[in-house]
Amino acid sequence: QVQLVESGGGLVQPGGSLRLSCAASGFTFDGSGMRWYRVPPGKEREWVASIVASGTYTSYADSVRGRFTISRDNAKNMLYLEMNNLKPEDTAVYYCYKSKIPEQWGQGTQVTVSS
């Protein structure tokens, strides 16, 4: 049974930082690329960042490039999203995603950026 369990969300002030985690199980983690998506309130889902199975290559949405860092620890079956210099527009539910077929979504974790 494939599972992606996210954690680390919460309330943070503008300019602050958060680190999201996604614990993966039920599949060969180091054989699948992974992604982060987010859903801002009242908006459609948007892609945030991607990382290849080995962790060697990453890519980012223009809105987060330079502020967010996607990473993974294949020995621990963990995916991370380090978020720095957070802005109110980063407020969203964040989801981790397994891109290799069969695709799988995590349950999501709320990130709220507000003063």
N, C-alpha and C. Protein backbone atom coordinates (compact mmCIF):
# COMPACT_ATOMS: atom_id res chain seq x y z
N GLN A 1 0.84 -1.18 0.00
CA GLN A 1 0.00 0.00 0.00
C GLN A 1 0.89 1.24 0.00
N VAL A 2 0.78 2.04 -1.05
CA VAL A 2 1.56 3.26 -1.16
C VAL A 2 1.00 4.31 -0.21
N GLN A 3 1.88 4.93 0.57
CA GLN A 3 1.48 5.99 1.48
C GLN A 3 2.46 7.15 1.41
N LEU A 4 1.92 8.36 1.41
CA LEU A 4 2.69 9.59 1.50
C LEU A 4 2.08 10.41 2.62
N VAL A 5 2.82 10.60 3.71
CA VAL A 5 2.31 11.27 4.90
C VAL A 5 3.10 12.56 5.11
N GLU A 6 2.41 13.69 4.98
CA GLU A 6 3.05 14.99 5.08
C GLU A 6 2.96 15.54 6.50
N SER A 7 3.93 16.38 6.85
CA SER A 7 3.95 17.05 8.14
C SER A 7 4.77 18.32 8.02
N GLY A 8 4.70 19.17 9.04
CA GLY A 8 5.52 20.36 9.10
C GLY A 8 4.80 21.65 8.80
N GLY A 9 3.56 21.59 8.38
CA GLY A 9 2.82 22.81 8.10
C GLY A 9 2.47 23.56 9.37
N GLY A 10 2.01 24.79 9.20
CA GLY A 10 1.63 25.60 10.34
C GLY A 10 1.51 27.05 9.98
N LEU A 11 1.42 27.89 11.01
CA LEU A 11 1.30 29.33 10.85
C LEU A 11 2.67 29.98 11.01
N VAL A 12 3.03 30.84 10.08
CA VAL A 12 4.32 31.52 10.12
C VAL A 12 4.14 32.95 9.63
N GLN A 13 4.95 33.86 10.16
CA GLN A 13 4.90 35.25 9.75
C GLN A 13 5.62 35.46 8.41
N PRO A 14 5.23 36.48 7.66
CA PRO A 14 5.96 36.78 6.43
C PRO A 14 7.46 36.93 6.71
N GLY A 15 8.26 36.37 5.82
CA GLY A 15 9.70 36.36 6.00
C GLY A 15 10.22 35.17 6.77
N GLY A 16 9.34 34.41 7.36
CA GLY A 16 9.73 33.24 8.13
C GLY A 16 10.00 32.03 7.27
N SER A 17 10.28 30.92 7.93
CA SER A 17 10.64 29.69 7.25
C SER A 17 9.89 28.50 7.82
N LEU A 18 9.68 27.51 6.99
CA LEU A 18 9.10 26.23 7.38
C LEU A 18 9.77 25.13 6.58
N ARG A 19 9.80 23.94 7.16
CA ARG A 19 10.30 22.77 6.47
C ARG A 19 9.23 21.70 6.46
N LEU A 20 8.74 21.37 5.28
CA LEU A 20 7.74 20.33 5.13
C LEU A 20 8.43 18.99 4.90
N SER A 21 7.82 17.93 5.42
CA SER A 21 8.33 16.59 5.25
C SER A 21 7.24 15.70 4.66
N CYS A 22 7.66 14.70 3.91
CA CYS A 22 6.75 13.70 3.36
C CYS A 22 7.39 12.34 3.55
N ALA A 23 6.78 11.52 4.39
CA ALA A 23 7.27 10.17 4.65
C ALA A 23 6.62 9.20 3.67
N ALA A 24 7.44 8.50 2.91
CA ALA A 24 6.96 7.61 1.86
C ALA A 24 7.11 6.15 2.26
N SER A 25 6.16 5.33 1.84
CA SER A 25 6.23 3.90 2.09
C SER A 25 5.40 3.17 1.05
N GLY A 26 5.66 1.88 0.89
CA GLY A 26 4.86 1.05 0.01
C GLY A 26 5.33 0.99 -1.43
N PHE A 27 6.46 1.59 -1.73
CA PHE A 27 7.02 1.55 -3.09
C PHE A 27 8.51 1.78 -3.03
N THR A 28 9.17 1.58 -4.15
CA THR A 28 10.61 1.80 -4.22
C THR A 28 10.87 3.29 -4.34
N PHE A 29 11.11 3.92 -3.21
CA PHE A 29 11.19 5.37 -3.16
C PHE A 29 12.29 5.92 -4.05
N ASP A 30 13.45 5.28 -4.03
CA ASP A 30 14.57 5.78 -4.83
C ASP A 30 14.44 5.46 -6.31
N GLY A 31 13.32 4.87 -6.71
CA GLY A 31 13.04 4.62 -8.12
C GLY A 31 12.01 5.56 -8.71
N SER A 32 11.58 6.54 -7.96
CA SER A 32 10.53 7.45 -8.42
C SER A 32 10.90 8.90 -8.19
N GLY A 33 10.67 9.72 -9.20
CA GLY A 33 10.71 11.15 -9.01
C GLY A 33 9.58 11.58 -8.08
N MET A 34 9.76 12.71 -7.43
CA MET A 34 8.77 13.23 -6.50
C MET A 34 8.54 14.71 -6.79
N ARG A 35 7.36 15.20 -6.39
CA ARG A 35 7.00 16.59 -6.61
C ARG A 35 6.27 17.15 -5.40
N TRP A 36 6.29 18.46 -5.30
CA TRP A 36 5.42 19.19 -4.39
C TRP A 36 4.46 20.05 -5.21
N TYR A 37 3.19 20.03 -4.82
CA TYR A 37 2.16 20.89 -5.37
C TYR A 37 1.53 21.67 -4.21
N ARG A 38 0.79 22.71 -4.55
CA ARG A 38 0.05 23.44 -3.54
C ARG A 38 -1.27 23.93 -4.10
N VAL A 39 -2.23 24.13 -3.20
CA VAL A 39 -3.54 24.64 -3.56
C VAL A 39 -3.83 25.86 -2.70
N PRO A 40 -3.64 27.07 -3.21
CA PRO A 40 -4.01 28.26 -2.45
C PRO A 40 -5.51 28.33 -2.25
N PRO A 41 -5.98 29.03 -1.22
CA PRO A 41 -7.42 29.10 -0.98
C PRO A 41 -8.15 29.71 -2.17
N GLY A 42 -9.16 29.02 -2.66
CA GLY A 42 -9.95 29.50 -3.76
C GLY A 42 -9.30 29.41 -5.12
N LYS A 43 -8.14 28.77 -5.21
CA LYS A 43 -7.43 28.67 -6.47
C LYS A 43 -7.20 27.22 -6.86
N GLU A 44 -6.77 27.02 -8.09
CA GLU A 44 -6.48 25.69 -8.58
C GLU A 44 -5.10 25.22 -8.14
N ARG A 45 -4.90 23.92 -8.18
CA ARG A 45 -3.63 23.33 -7.81
C ARG A 45 -2.52 23.84 -8.73
N GLU A 46 -1.35 24.11 -8.15
CA GLU A 46 -0.21 24.54 -8.92
C GLU A 46 1.03 23.74 -8.53
N TRP A 47 1.86 23.48 -9.50
CA TRP A 47 3.11 22.79 -9.27
C TRP A 47 4.12 23.70 -8.59
N VAL A 48 4.87 23.16 -7.64
CA VAL A 48 5.84 23.94 -6.88
C VAL A 48 7.27 23.54 -7.22
N ALA A 49 7.58 22.24 -7.13
CA ALA A 49 8.95 21.79 -7.33
C ALA A 49 8.98 20.31 -7.65
N SER A 50 10.05 19.87 -8.31
CA SER A 50 10.24 18.46 -8.66
C SER A 50 11.67 18.04 -8.37
N ILE A 51 11.84 16.76 -8.14
CA ILE A 51 13.15 16.20 -7.92
C ILE A 51 13.20 14.80 -8.53
N VAL A 52 14.30 14.47 -9.21
CA VAL A 52 14.44 13.16 -9.82
C VAL A 52 14.72 12.13 -8.75
N ALA A 53 14.63 10.84 -9.15
CA ALA A 53 14.74 9.75 -8.19
C ALA A 53 16.05 9.79 -7.40
N SER A 54 17.14 10.11 -8.07
CA SER A 54 18.44 10.13 -7.42
C SER A 54 18.66 11.37 -6.56
N GLY A 55 17.85 12.40 -6.77
CA GLY A 55 18.02 13.66 -6.07
C GLY A 55 19.00 14.60 -6.74
N THR A 56 19.57 14.20 -7.85
CA THR A 56 20.61 14.98 -8.50
C THR A 56 20.09 16.25 -9.15
N TYR A 57 18.89 16.20 -9.72
CA TYR A 57 18.34 17.33 -10.45
C TYR A 57 17.02 17.77 -9.84
N THR A 58 16.84 19.08 -9.77
CA THR A 58 15.62 19.67 -9.24
C THR A 58 15.12 20.75 -10.17
N SER A 59 13.84 21.08 -10.05
CA SER A 59 13.26 22.18 -10.81
C SER A 59 12.20 22.86 -9.96
N TYR A 60 11.92 24.14 -10.26
CA TYR A 60 11.05 24.95 -9.43
C TYR A 60 10.14 25.83 -10.27
N ALA A 61 8.97 26.11 -9.70
CA ALA A 61 8.11 27.13 -10.27
C ALA A 61 8.76 28.49 -10.10
N ASP A 62 8.50 29.40 -11.03
CA ASP A 62 9.10 30.73 -10.96
C ASP A 62 8.77 31.44 -9.65
N SER A 63 7.59 31.19 -9.11
CA SER A 63 7.14 31.89 -7.93
C SER A 63 7.92 31.52 -6.67
N VAL A 64 8.60 30.37 -6.68
CA VAL A 64 9.31 29.92 -5.48
C VAL A 64 10.80 29.75 -5.69
N ARG A 65 11.27 29.82 -6.91
CA ARG A 65 12.68 29.62 -7.19
C ARG A 65 13.54 30.63 -6.42
N GLY A 66 14.57 30.14 -5.75
CA GLY A 66 15.43 30.97 -4.94
C GLY A 66 15.01 31.05 -3.49
N ARG A 67 13.77 30.67 -3.19
CA ARG A 67 13.27 30.70 -1.82
C ARG A 67 13.02 29.30 -1.27
N PHE A 68 12.57 28.39 -2.12
CA PHE A 68 12.25 27.02 -1.71
C PHE A 68 13.33 26.06 -2.20
N THR A 69 13.53 24.98 -1.46
CA THR A 69 14.46 23.94 -1.84
C THR A 69 13.82 22.58 -1.64
N ILE A 70 13.71 21.81 -2.71
CA ILE A 70 13.22 20.45 -2.62
C ILE A 70 14.41 19.51 -2.46
N SER A 71 14.28 18.52 -1.60
CA SER A 71 15.35 17.57 -1.37
C SER A 71 14.76 16.23 -0.95
N ARG A 72 15.59 15.21 -0.92
CA ARG A 72 15.13 13.90 -0.50
C ARG A 72 16.26 13.14 0.18
N ASP A 73 15.90 12.24 1.06
CA ASP A 73 16.82 11.34 1.71
C ASP A 73 16.34 9.93 1.39
N ASN A 74 16.93 9.32 0.38
CA ASN A 74 16.46 8.02 -0.08
C ASN A 74 16.69 6.92 0.95
N ALA A 75 17.70 7.07 1.79
CA ALA A 75 17.94 6.08 2.84
C ALA A 75 16.83 6.07 3.87
N LYS A 76 16.14 7.21 4.02
CA LYS A 76 15.06 7.34 4.99
C LYS A 76 13.68 7.39 4.36
N ASN A 77 13.60 7.29 3.04
CA ASN A 77 12.33 7.39 2.31
C ASN A 77 11.59 8.68 2.66
N MET A 78 12.33 9.78 2.64
CA MET A 78 11.77 11.07 3.02
C MET A 78 11.95 12.09 1.91
N LEU A 79 10.94 12.89 1.69
CA LEU A 79 10.96 14.04 0.80
C LEU A 79 10.77 15.29 1.62
N TYR A 80 11.47 16.37 1.25
CA TYR A 80 11.42 17.61 2.02
C TYR A 80 11.17 18.80 1.11
N LEU A 81 10.60 19.84 1.69
CA LEU A 81 10.50 21.13 1.03
C LEU A 81 10.85 22.20 2.05
N GLU A 82 12.02 22.80 1.90
CA GLU A 82 12.45 23.89 2.76
C GLU A 82 11.96 25.20 2.15
N MET A 83 11.21 25.96 2.93
CA MET A 83 10.60 27.18 2.46
C MET A 83 11.15 28.35 3.28
N ASN A 84 11.79 29.28 2.60
CA ASN A 84 12.37 30.45 3.24
C ASN A 84 11.75 31.73 2.69
N ASN A 85 11.88 32.81 3.46
CA ASN A 85 11.33 34.11 3.06
C ASN A 85 9.89 33.96 2.59
N LEU A 86 9.09 33.35 3.43
CA LEU A 86 7.70 33.06 3.06
C LEU A 86 6.89 34.34 2.91
N LYS A 87 5.96 34.29 1.97
CA LYS A 87 5.10 35.42 1.65
C LYS A 87 3.64 35.01 1.85
N PRO A 88 2.75 35.98 2.07
CA PRO A 88 1.34 35.63 2.23
C PRO A 88 0.79 34.82 1.06
N GLU A 89 1.26 35.08 -0.14
CA GLU A 89 0.79 34.33 -1.30
C GLU A 89 1.26 32.88 -1.32
N ASP A 90 2.14 32.50 -0.39
CA ASP A 90 2.52 31.10 -0.26
C ASP A 90 1.51 30.30 0.55
N THR A 91 0.54 30.98 1.15
CA THR A 91 -0.49 30.30 1.92
C THR A 91 -1.23 29.30 1.04
N ALA A 92 -1.26 28.05 1.46
CA ALA A 92 -1.87 27.00 0.65
C ALA A 92 -1.81 25.68 1.41
N VAL A 93 -2.54 24.70 0.90
CA VAL A 93 -2.35 23.32 1.32
C VAL A 93 -1.28 22.72 0.41
N TYR A 94 -0.24 22.17 0.99
CA TYR A 94 0.87 21.62 0.24
C TYR A 94 0.78 20.10 0.20
N TYR A 95 0.98 19.53 -0.99
CA TYR A 95 0.87 18.09 -1.21
C TYR A 95 2.16 17.53 -1.81
N CYS A 96 2.59 16.39 -1.31
CA CYS A 96 3.66 15.67 -2.01
C CYS A 96 3.03 14.69 -2.99
N TYR A 97 3.78 14.31 -4.01
CA TYR A 97 3.25 13.56 -5.13
C TYR A 97 4.31 12.61 -5.67
N LYS A 98 3.93 11.38 -5.88
CA LYS A 98 4.77 10.36 -6.49
C LYS A 98 4.49 10.37 -7.99
N SER A 99 5.47 10.71 -8.80
CA SER A 99 5.24 10.89 -10.23
C SER A 99 5.31 9.59 -11.02
N LYS A 100 6.02 8.59 -10.54
CA LYS A 100 6.09 7.33 -11.26
C LYS A 100 4.77 6.59 -11.16
N ILE A 101 4.33 6.03 -12.29
CA ILE A 101 3.08 5.29 -12.34
C ILE A 101 3.19 4.02 -11.49
N PRO A 102 2.21 3.72 -10.63
CA PRO A 102 0.98 4.47 -10.40
C PRO A 102 1.21 5.72 -9.54
N GLU A 103 0.63 6.83 -9.97
CA GLU A 103 0.78 8.08 -9.27
C GLU A 103 0.08 8.04 -7.92
N GLN A 104 0.60 8.85 -6.97
CA GLN A 104 0.04 8.87 -5.62
C GLN A 104 0.20 10.25 -5.03
N TRP A 105 -0.84 10.70 -4.32
CA TRP A 105 -0.84 11.98 -3.62
C TRP A 105 -0.81 11.77 -2.12
N GLY A 106 -0.16 12.70 -1.41
CA GLY A 106 -0.25 12.74 0.03
C GLY A 106 -1.55 13.38 0.46
N GLN A 107 -1.75 13.48 1.78
CA GLN A 107 -3.00 14.02 2.31
C GLN A 107 -3.02 15.53 2.38
N GLY A 108 -1.86 16.15 2.30
CA GLY A 108 -1.75 17.60 2.34
C GLY A 108 -1.49 18.13 3.73
N THR A 109 -0.80 19.26 3.81
CA THR A 109 -0.55 19.95 5.07
C THR A 109 -0.71 21.45 4.85
N GLN A 110 -1.38 22.11 5.80
CA GLN A 110 -1.71 23.52 5.66
C GLN A 110 -0.53 24.40 6.03
N VAL A 111 -0.22 25.35 5.17
CA VAL A 111 0.77 26.39 5.45
C VAL A 111 0.06 27.74 5.36
N THR A 112 0.12 28.50 6.44
CA THR A 112 -0.50 29.82 6.48
C THR A 112 0.56 30.85 6.80
N VAL A 113 0.72 31.82 5.93
CA VAL A 113 1.70 32.89 6.10
C VAL A 113 0.93 34.18 6.35
N SER A 114 1.00 34.68 7.57
CA SER A 114 0.22 35.85 7.95
C SER A 114 0.85 36.53 9.16
N SER A 115 0.72 37.85 9.20
CA SER A 115 1.19 38.61 10.35
C SER A 115 0.08 38.82 11.37
